[in-house]
């Protein structure tokens, strides 16, 4: 699980490490490197997508 903290609340993202380990590892590396810091999410559908 990954949690993004925003000024409108937290966004919790479930990762599927067993099904796509390379993609999850890549995503987590982006998170650790701060790639998503100060990113504006312009489309959010609750329970579906960011």
PDB file of N, CA and C in Angstrom:
ATOM      1  N   UNK A   1       0.841  -1.177   0.000  1.00  0.00           N
ATOM      2  CA  UNK A   1       0.000   0.000   0.000  1.00  0.00           C
ATOM      3  C   UNK A   1       0.889   1.243   0.000  1.00  0.00           C
ATOM      4  N   UNK A   2       0.444   2.226  -0.723  1.00  0.00           N
ATOM      5  CA  UNK A   2       1.137   3.508  -0.802  1.00  0.00           C
ATOM      6  C   UNK A   2       0.122   4.581  -0.449  1.00  0.00           C
ATOM      7  N   UNK A   3       0.544   5.565   0.341  1.00  0.00           N
ATOM      8  CA  UNK A   3      -0.342   6.663   0.697  1.00  0.00           C
ATOM      9  C   UNK A   3       0.235   7.973   0.194  1.00  0.00           C
ATOM     10  N   UNK A   4      -0.545   8.673  -0.626  1.00  0.00           N
ATOM     11  CA  UNK A   4      -0.208  10.029  -1.041  1.00  0.00           C
ATOM     12  C   UNK A   4      -0.926  10.974  -0.088  1.00  0.00           C
ATOM     13  N   UNK A   5      -0.218  11.965   0.410  1.00  0.00           N
ATOM     14  CA  UNK A   5      -0.818  12.968   1.285  1.00  0.00           C
ATOM     15  C   UNK A   5      -1.045  14.235   0.466  1.00  0.00           C
ATOM     16  N   UNK A   6      -2.284  14.733   0.480  1.00  0.00           N
ATOM     17  CA  UNK A   6      -2.592  15.946  -0.272  1.00  0.00           C
ATOM     18  C   UNK A   6      -3.320  16.938   0.624  1.00  0.00           C
ATOM     19  N   UNK A   7      -3.487  18.142   0.115  1.00  0.00           N
ATOM     20  CA  UNK A   7      -4.190  19.162   0.888  1.00  0.00           C
ATOM     21  C   UNK A   7      -5.689  18.875   0.975  1.00  0.00           C
ATOM     22  N   UNK A   8      -6.182  17.921   0.206  1.00  0.00           N
ATOM     23  CA  UNK A   8      -7.595  17.535   0.264  1.00  0.00           C
ATOM     24  C   UNK A   8      -7.801  16.182   0.935  1.00  0.00           C
ATOM     25  N   UNK A   9      -6.734  15.631   1.490  1.00  0.00           N
ATOM     26  CA  UNK A   9      -6.837  14.338   2.163  1.00  0.00           C
ATOM     27  C   UNK A   9      -5.875  13.328   1.577  1.00  0.00           C
ATOM     28  N   UNK A  10      -5.859  12.170   2.184  1.00  0.00           N
ATOM     29  CA  UNK A  10      -4.945  11.111   1.766  1.00  0.00           C
ATOM     30  C   UNK A  10      -5.554  10.258   0.657  1.00  0.00           C
ATOM     31  N   UNK A  11      -4.674   9.744  -0.197  1.00  0.00           N
ATOM     32  CA  UNK A  11      -5.055   8.816  -1.252  1.00  0.00           C
ATOM     33  C   UNK A  11      -4.262   7.538  -1.005  1.00  0.00           C
ATOM     34  N   UNK A  12      -4.966   6.435  -0.777  1.00  0.00           N
ATOM     35  CA  UNK A  12      -4.315   5.155  -0.506  1.00  0.00           C
ATOM     36  C   UNK A  12      -4.378   4.305  -1.770  1.00  0.00           C
ATOM     37  N   UNK A  13      -3.216   3.802  -2.167  1.00  0.00           N
ATOM     38  CA  UNK A  13      -3.116   3.008  -3.388  1.00  0.00           C
ATOM     39  C   UNK A  13      -2.667   1.601  -3.028  1.00  0.00           C
ATOM     40  N   UNK A  14      -3.441   0.630  -3.482  1.00  0.00           N
ATOM     41  CA  UNK A  14      -3.084  -0.769  -3.266  1.00  0.00           C
ATOM     42  C   UNK A  14      -2.245  -1.236  -4.452  1.00  0.00           C
ATOM     43  N   UNK A  15      -1.111  -1.849  -4.164  1.00  0.00           N
ATOM     44  CA  UNK A  15      -0.269  -2.389  -5.231  1.00  0.00           C
ATOM     45  C   UNK A  15      -0.421  -3.910  -5.270  1.00  0.00           C
ATOM     46  N   UNK A  16      -0.205  -4.477  -6.426  1.00  0.00           N
ATOM     47  CA  UNK A  16      -0.331  -5.918  -6.613  1.00  0.00           C
ATOM     48  C   UNK A  16       1.047  -6.504  -6.912  1.00  0.00           C
ATOM     49  N   UNK A  17       1.850  -6.594  -5.851  1.00  0.00           N
ATOM     50  CA  UNK A  17       3.238  -7.031  -5.971  1.00  0.00           C
ATOM     51  C   UNK A  17       3.371  -8.419  -6.597  1.00  0.00           C
ATOM     52  N   UNK A  18       2.458  -9.323  -6.237  1.00  0.00           N
ATOM     53  CA  UNK A  18       2.557 -10.705  -6.722  1.00  0.00           C
ATOM     54  C   UNK A  18       2.255 -10.795  -8.216  1.00  0.00           C
ATOM     55  N   UNK A  19       1.339  -9.969  -8.688  1.00  0.00           N
ATOM     56  CA  UNK A  19       0.908 -10.052 -10.088  1.00  0.00           C
ATOM     57  C   UNK A  19       1.781  -9.243 -11.041  1.00  0.00           C
ATOM     58  N   UNK A  20       2.359  -8.154 -10.548  1.00  0.00           N
ATOM     59  CA  UNK A  20       3.198  -7.320 -11.424  1.00  0.00           C
ATOM     60  C   UNK A  20       4.357  -6.721 -10.632  1.00  0.00           C
ATOM     61  N   UNK A  21       5.285  -7.565 -10.192  1.00  0.00           N
ATOM     62  CA  UNK A  21       6.378  -7.107  -9.330  1.00  0.00           C
ATOM     63  C   UNK A  21       7.279  -6.053  -9.962  1.00  0.00           C
ATOM     64  N   UNK A  22       7.529  -6.133 -11.241  1.00  0.00           N
ATOM     65  CA  UNK A  22       8.418  -5.162 -11.888  1.00  0.00           C
ATOM     66  C   UNK A  22       7.751  -3.791 -11.937  1.00  0.00           C
ATOM     67  N   UNK A  23       6.474  -3.764 -12.287  1.00  0.00           N
ATOM     68  CA  UNK A  23       5.737  -2.497 -12.344  1.00  0.00           C
ATOM     69  C   UNK A  23       5.636  -1.858 -10.971  1.00  0.00           C
ATOM     70  N   UNK A  24       5.340  -2.659  -9.957  1.00  0.00           N
ATOM     71  CA  UNK A  24       5.233  -2.138  -8.591  1.00  0.00           C
ATOM     72  C   UNK A  24       6.581  -1.606  -8.124  1.00  0.00           C
ATOM     73  N   UNK A  25       7.642  -2.335  -8.390  1.00  0.00           N
ATOM     74  CA  UNK A  25       8.977  -1.877  -7.998  1.00  0.00           C
ATOM     75  C   UNK A  25       9.306  -0.544  -8.667  1.00  0.00           C
ATOM     76  N   UNK A  26       8.997  -0.415  -9.943  1.00  0.00           N
ATOM     77  CA  UNK A  26       9.231   0.828 -10.673  1.00  0.00           C
ATOM     78  C   UNK A  26       8.425   1.975 -10.065  1.00  0.00           C
ATOM     79  N   UNK A  27       7.149   1.736  -9.787  1.00  0.00           N
ATOM     80  CA  UNK A  27       6.275   2.744  -9.185  1.00  0.00           C
ATOM     81  C   UNK A  27       6.813   3.182  -7.824  1.00  0.00           C
ATOM     82  N   UNK A  28       7.221   2.227  -6.993  1.00  0.00           N
ATOM     83  CA  UNK A  28       7.750   2.555  -5.666  1.00  0.00           C
ATOM     84  C   UNK A  28       9.048   3.353  -5.764  1.00  0.00           C
ATOM     85  N   UNK A  29       9.875   3.049  -6.747  1.00  0.00           N
ATOM     86  CA  UNK A  29      11.097   3.832  -6.953  1.00  0.00           C
ATOM     87  C   UNK A  29      10.765   5.277  -7.306  1.00  0.00           C
ATOM     88  N   UNK A  30       9.770   5.479  -8.174  1.00  0.00           N
ATOM     89  CA  UNK A  30       9.323   6.841  -8.484  1.00  0.00           C
ATOM     90  C   UNK A  30       8.856   7.550  -7.219  1.00  0.00           C
ATOM     91  N   UNK A  31       8.093   6.855  -6.392  1.00  0.00           N
ATOM     92  CA  UNK A  31       7.602   7.451  -5.138  1.00  0.00           C
ATOM     93  C   UNK A  31       8.761   7.846  -4.233  1.00  0.00           C
ATOM     94  N   UNK A  32       9.709   6.942  -4.048  1.00  0.00           N
ATOM     95  CA  UNK A  32      10.865   7.218  -3.176  1.00  0.00           C
ATOM     96  C   UNK A  32      11.712   8.375  -3.695  1.00  0.00           C
ATOM     97  N   UNK A  33      11.783   8.510  -5.009  1.00  0.00           N
ATOM     98  CA  UNK A  33      12.583   9.582  -5.615  1.00  0.00           C
ATOM     99  C   UNK A  33      11.876  10.935  -5.598  1.00  0.00           C
ATOM    100  N   UNK A  34      10.613  10.960  -5.144  1.00  0.00           N
ATOM    101  CA  UNK A  34       9.876  12.219  -5.077  1.00  0.00           C
ATOM    102  C   UNK A  34       9.260  12.644  -6.395  1.00  0.00           C
ATOM    103  N   UNK A  35       9.160  11.721  -7.332  1.00  0.00           N
ATOM    104  CA  UNK A  35       8.631  12.039  -8.657  1.00  0.00           C
ATOM    105  C   UNK A  35       7.233  12.650  -8.596  1.00  0.00           C
ATOM    106  N   UNK A  36       6.418  12.194  -7.655  1.00  0.00           N
ATOM    107  CA  UNK A  36       5.029  12.655  -7.574  1.00  0.00           C
ATOM    108  C   UNK A  36       4.839  13.845  -6.644  1.00  0.00           C
ATOM    109  N   UNK A  37       5.910  14.339  -6.036  1.00  0.00           N
ATOM    110  CA  UNK A  37       5.798  15.505  -5.153  1.00  0.00           C
ATOM    111  C   UNK A  37       5.262  16.696  -5.942  1.00  0.00           C
ATOM    112  N   UNK A  38       4.295  17.379  -5.366  1.00  0.00           N
ATOM    113  CA  UNK A  38       3.680  18.575  -5.962  1.00  0.00           C
ATOM    114  C   UNK A  38       2.988  18.313  -7.302  1.00  0.00           C
ATOM    115  N   UNK A  39       2.606  17.068  -7.537  1.00  0.00           N
ATOM    116  CA  UNK A  39       1.877  16.723  -8.750  1.00  0.00           C
ATOM    117  C   UNK A  39       0.403  17.066  -8.573  1.00  0.00           C
ATOM    118  N   UNK A  40      -0.194  17.630  -9.599  1.00  0.00           N
ATOM    119  CA  UNK A  40      -1.620  17.940  -9.573  1.00  0.00           C
ATOM    120  C   UNK A  40      -2.369  16.796 -10.252  1.00  0.00           C
ATOM    121  N   UNK A  41      -3.289  16.183  -9.514  1.00  0.00           N
ATOM    122  CA  UNK A  41      -4.144  15.151 -10.089  1.00  0.00           C
ATOM    123  C   UNK A  41      -5.396  15.838 -10.597  1.00  0.00           C
ATOM    124  N   UNK A  42      -5.588  15.839 -11.895  1.00  0.00           N
ATOM    125  CA  UNK A  42      -6.687  16.587 -12.481  1.00  0.00           C
ATOM    126  C   UNK A  42      -7.929  15.740 -12.724  1.00  0.00           C
ATOM    127  N   UNK A  43      -7.808  14.425 -12.586  1.00  0.00           N
ATOM    128  CA  UNK A  43      -8.987  13.572 -12.752  1.00  0.00           C
ATOM    129  C   UNK A  43      -8.935  12.449 -11.734  1.00  0.00           C
ATOM    130  N   UNK A  44      -9.921  12.415 -10.855  1.00  0.00           N
ATOM    131  CA  UNK A  44     -10.005  11.386  -9.824  1.00  0.00           C
ATOM    132  C   UNK A  44     -11.424  10.833  -9.824  1.00  0.00           C
ATOM    133  N   UNK A  45     -11.535   9.504  -9.916  1.00  0.00           N
ATOM    134  CA  UNK A  45     -12.832   8.839  -9.795  1.00  0.00           C
ATOM    135  C   UNK A  45     -12.722   7.909  -8.596  1.00  0.00           C
ATOM    136  N   UNK A  46     -13.443   8.234  -7.525  1.00  0.00           N
ATOM    137  CA  UNK A  46     -13.350   7.511  -6.267  1.00  0.00           C
ATOM    138  C   UNK A  46     -13.507   5.999  -6.463  1.00  0.00           C
ATOM    139  N   UNK A  47     -12.549   5.256  -5.904  1.00  0.00           N
ATOM    140  CA  UNK A  47     -12.582   3.811  -5.991  1.00  0.00           C
ATOM    141  C   UNK A  47     -12.183   3.239  -7.337  1.00  0.00           C
ATOM    142  N   UNK A  48     -11.763   4.095  -8.270  1.00  0.00           N
ATOM    143  CA  UNK A  48     -11.455   3.604  -9.607  1.00  0.00           C
ATOM    144  C   UNK A  48     -10.109   4.059 -10.144  1.00  0.00           C
ATOM    145  N   UNK A  49      -9.898   5.366 -10.263  1.00  0.00           N
ATOM    146  CA  UNK A  49      -8.667   5.830 -10.910  1.00  0.00           C
ATOM    147  C   UNK A  49      -8.237   7.209 -10.443  1.00  0.00           C
ATOM    148  N   UNK A  50      -6.952   7.455 -10.629  1.00  0.00           N
ATOM    149  CA  UNK A  50      -6.383   8.788 -10.426  1.00  0.00           C
ATOM    150  C   UNK A  50      -5.680   9.144 -11.718  1.00  0.00           C
TER     151      UNK A  50
END
